[in-house]
Amino acid sequence: MTDQSDTKADIPDENSEAAKPWWKQKSLAEMSRPEWESICDHCAKCCLNKLEDDSDGTVYYTDIACDLLNAKTCQCGDYANRETLVPDCVRLTMDNLDDLYWMPPSCAYRLLHEGNDLPEWHHLVTGDKDSIHQAGESITGRFVYSKTIDENNWEERIVEWPLEMKR
């Protein structure tokens, strides 16, 4: 006799809401604070200093990172006080996502906001917080701290790699 409990009808359709991961079941605006925070993949590309051309608005990334950045984890060393300690630090919210055109194309918030899926190396997909570093998508090992570079020399540190994304 066959067990009828394992029929095709019991398996959720891969397109049904029940089969989708939680970040596909709700919009960014519907996420709780812990869910919102978990979207960040800790690439730290947003922690790189950027230069903006006043004449045309082009944003250029440098390989110069905020001094609060933890080099090993790619997380802020003082997350709770970052906006006080670094006045230029921007808190990412649902209300300002449209204004943050300078966020890297690999940013999970940007991807979801624009209707795209998370990349295969994202920790919510892989279950491994180190997968972003293993995929070479974080800034680990590719930056210097801003305190070590004179601001007059930042133009010499412009890089394009933060704008590239592996899929």
Protein backbone atom coordinates (compact mmCIF):
# COMPACT_ATOMS: atom_id res chain seq x y z
CA MET A 1 0.00 0.00 0.00
CA THR A 2 1.37 3.43 -0.88
CA ASP A 3 1.45 6.37 1.50
CA GLN A 4 -0.92 9.01 0.12
CA SER A 5 0.42 11.77 2.41
CA ASP A 6 3.31 12.51 0.03
CA THR A 7 1.22 13.33 -3.01
CA LYS A 8 2.00 16.11 -5.42
CA ALA A 9 -0.90 18.11 -3.97
CA ASP A 10 0.94 18.32 -0.63
CA ILE A 11 4.06 19.88 -2.18
CA PRO A 12 3.77 23.67 -2.50
CA ASP A 13 3.98 25.03 -6.02
CA GLU A 14 7.39 26.71 -6.38
CA ASN A 15 5.57 29.91 -7.40
CA SER A 16 3.20 29.90 -4.41
CA GLU A 17 3.75 32.36 -1.57
CA ALA A 18 4.39 29.47 0.85
CA ALA A 19 7.33 28.24 -1.24
CA LYS A 20 8.99 31.65 -1.51
CA PRO A 21 11.65 32.80 0.96
CA TRP A 22 10.39 35.43 3.42
CA TRP A 23 12.14 38.35 1.63
CA LYS A 24 10.13 37.53 -1.50
CA GLN A 25 6.85 37.38 0.40
CA LYS A 26 6.86 40.99 1.55
CA SER A 27 8.07 44.36 0.41
CA LEU A 28 10.90 46.20 2.13
CA ALA A 29 8.28 48.51 3.68
CA GLU A 30 6.55 45.52 5.30
CA MET A 31 9.69 44.17 6.95
CA SER A 32 10.26 44.30 10.67
CA ARG A 33 13.40 46.04 11.94
CA PRO A 34 15.29 42.71 12.40
CA GLU A 35 14.24 41.57 8.90
CA TRP A 36 15.34 44.92 7.44
CA GLU A 37 18.72 44.69 9.15
CA SER A 38 19.21 41.10 7.96
CA ILE A 39 18.93 42.21 4.33
CA CYS A 40 22.34 43.89 4.58
CA ASP A 41 24.98 41.50 3.21
CA HIS A 42 27.90 43.35 4.86
CA CYS A 43 29.74 44.04 1.63
CA ALA A 44 30.67 47.46 3.11
CA LYS A 45 30.69 49.08 -0.33
CA CYS A 46 28.46 51.79 1.10
CA CYS A 47 31.22 52.47 3.65
CA LEU A 48 33.64 53.47 0.92
CA ASN A 49 34.10 57.19 0.47
CA LYS A 50 32.66 58.56 -2.72
CA LEU A 51 33.34 61.66 -4.74
CA GLU A 52 30.60 63.42 -6.69
CA ASP A 53 31.28 65.53 -9.76
CA ASP A 54 29.48 68.83 -9.13
CA SER A 55 29.06 69.48 -12.84
CA ASP A 56 27.19 66.31 -13.80
CA GLY A 57 26.41 64.46 -10.56
CA THR A 58 28.52 61.40 -11.41
CA VAL A 59 29.50 59.49 -8.28
CA TYR A 60 32.94 57.93 -8.12
CA TYR A 61 33.84 55.26 -5.59
CA THR A 62 37.23 55.26 -3.91
CA ASP A 63 38.96 52.41 -2.12
CA ILE A 64 39.00 54.56 1.03
CA ALA A 65 36.72 53.31 3.80
CA CYS A 66 35.22 54.85 6.90
CA ASP A 67 37.49 54.59 9.93
CA LEU A 68 34.72 52.84 11.91
CA LEU A 69 34.69 49.85 9.55
CA ASN A 70 35.83 46.53 10.99
CA ALA A 71 38.16 45.13 8.32
CA LYS A 72 37.45 41.48 9.12
CA THR A 73 33.64 41.54 9.37
CA CYS A 74 32.87 44.49 7.06
CA GLN A 75 30.55 45.81 9.75
CA CYS A 76 30.54 49.13 11.52
CA GLY A 77 32.61 49.17 14.68
CA ASP A 78 30.13 51.54 16.37
CA TYR A 79 26.85 51.01 14.52
CA ALA A 80 24.67 52.62 17.19
CA ASN A 81 26.66 55.88 17.18
CA ARG A 82 27.85 55.96 13.56
CA GLU A 83 25.75 58.95 12.50
CA THR A 84 27.09 61.04 15.39
CA LEU A 85 30.70 59.97 14.92
CA VAL A 86 30.56 60.20 11.11
CA PRO A 87 28.14 62.99 10.13
CA ASP A 88 28.23 61.94 6.45
CA CYS A 89 27.05 58.42 7.31
CA VAL A 90 23.61 57.79 5.84
CA ARG A 91 21.05 55.60 7.59
CA LEU A 92 19.32 53.56 4.92
CA THR A 93 15.53 53.58 5.31
CA MET A 94 12.48 52.90 3.17
CA ASP A 95 11.97 56.65 3.00
CA ASN A 96 15.33 57.44 1.42
CA LEU A 97 15.92 54.45 -0.88
CA ASP A 98 14.92 56.42 -3.98
CA ASP A 99 17.44 59.14 -3.13
CA LEU A 100 20.35 56.75 -2.71
CA TYR A 101 21.21 56.42 -6.39
CA TRP A 102 24.84 56.01 -5.41
CA MET A 103 24.33 52.66 -3.68
CA PRO A 104 26.28 49.93 -5.48
CA PRO A 105 24.35 47.74 -7.94
CA SER A 106 25.02 44.71 -5.72
CA CYS A 107 23.36 46.30 -2.66
CA ALA A 108 20.65 43.92 -1.44
CA TYR A 109 18.36 46.80 -0.49
CA ARG A 110 18.75 48.32 -3.93
CA LEU A 111 18.19 44.98 -5.66
CA LEU A 112 14.98 44.24 -3.75
CA HIS A 113 13.75 47.84 -4.08
CA GLU A 114 14.22 47.62 -7.85
CA GLY A 115 12.33 44.30 -8.01
CA ASN A 116 15.37 42.07 -8.44
CA ASP A 117 16.31 38.96 -6.50
CA LEU A 118 19.17 38.56 -4.07
CA PRO A 119 22.37 37.25 -5.65
CA GLU A 120 23.36 33.62 -5.15
CA TRP A 121 26.17 34.60 -2.76
CA HIS A 122 23.91 36.51 -0.34
CA HIS A 123 23.86 35.03 3.18
CA LEU A 124 20.06 34.71 3.17
CA VAL A 125 20.37 32.50 0.09
CA THR A 126 23.42 30.49 1.17
CA GLY A 127 22.86 30.40 4.92
CA ASP A 128 26.49 31.45 5.41
CA LYS A 129 27.48 34.99 6.51
CA ASP A 130 30.94 34.47 4.98
CA SER A 131 29.65 33.66 1.49
CA ILE A 132 29.90 37.31 0.43
CA HIS A 133 33.58 37.38 1.32
CA GLN A 134 34.20 34.00 -0.33
CA ALA A 135 32.55 35.29 -3.51
CA GLY A 136 34.79 38.37 -3.52
CA GLU A 137 31.82 40.75 -3.27
CA SER A 138 32.86 42.53 -0.08
CA ILE A 139 35.58 45.12 0.29
CA THR A 140 37.67 42.87 2.55
CA GLY A 141 41.34 43.26 1.71
CA ARG A 142 40.70 45.96 -0.91
CA PHE A 143 40.55 49.22 1.03
CA VAL A 144 42.49 51.66 3.17
CA TYR A 145 41.11 53.72 6.04
CA SER A 146 40.32 57.38 5.46
CA LYS A 147 42.58 58.48 8.31
CA THR A 148 45.56 57.17 6.30
CA ILE A 149 44.91 59.19 3.13
CA ASP A 150 44.99 62.97 2.79
CA GLU A 151 41.63 64.10 1.44
CA ASN A 152 43.43 66.05 -1.30
CA ASN A 153 44.62 62.69 -2.68
CA TRP A 154 41.26 60.92 -2.79
CA GLU A 155 40.86 61.41 -6.54
CA GLU A 156 43.93 59.21 -7.00
CA ARG A 157 42.08 56.41 -5.19
CA ILE A 158 39.04 56.20 -7.52
CA VAL A 159 38.15 52.58 -8.33
CA GLU A 160 35.48 50.84 -10.40
CA TRP A 161 35.32 47.42 -8.73
CA PRO A 162 32.57 48.38 -6.24
CA LEU A 163 30.24 48.93 -9.20
CA GLU A 164 30.87 45.47 -10.64
CA MET A 165 28.72 42.55 -9.53
CA LYS A 166 29.09 38.82 -9.97
CA ARG A 167 25.85 36.92 -10.34
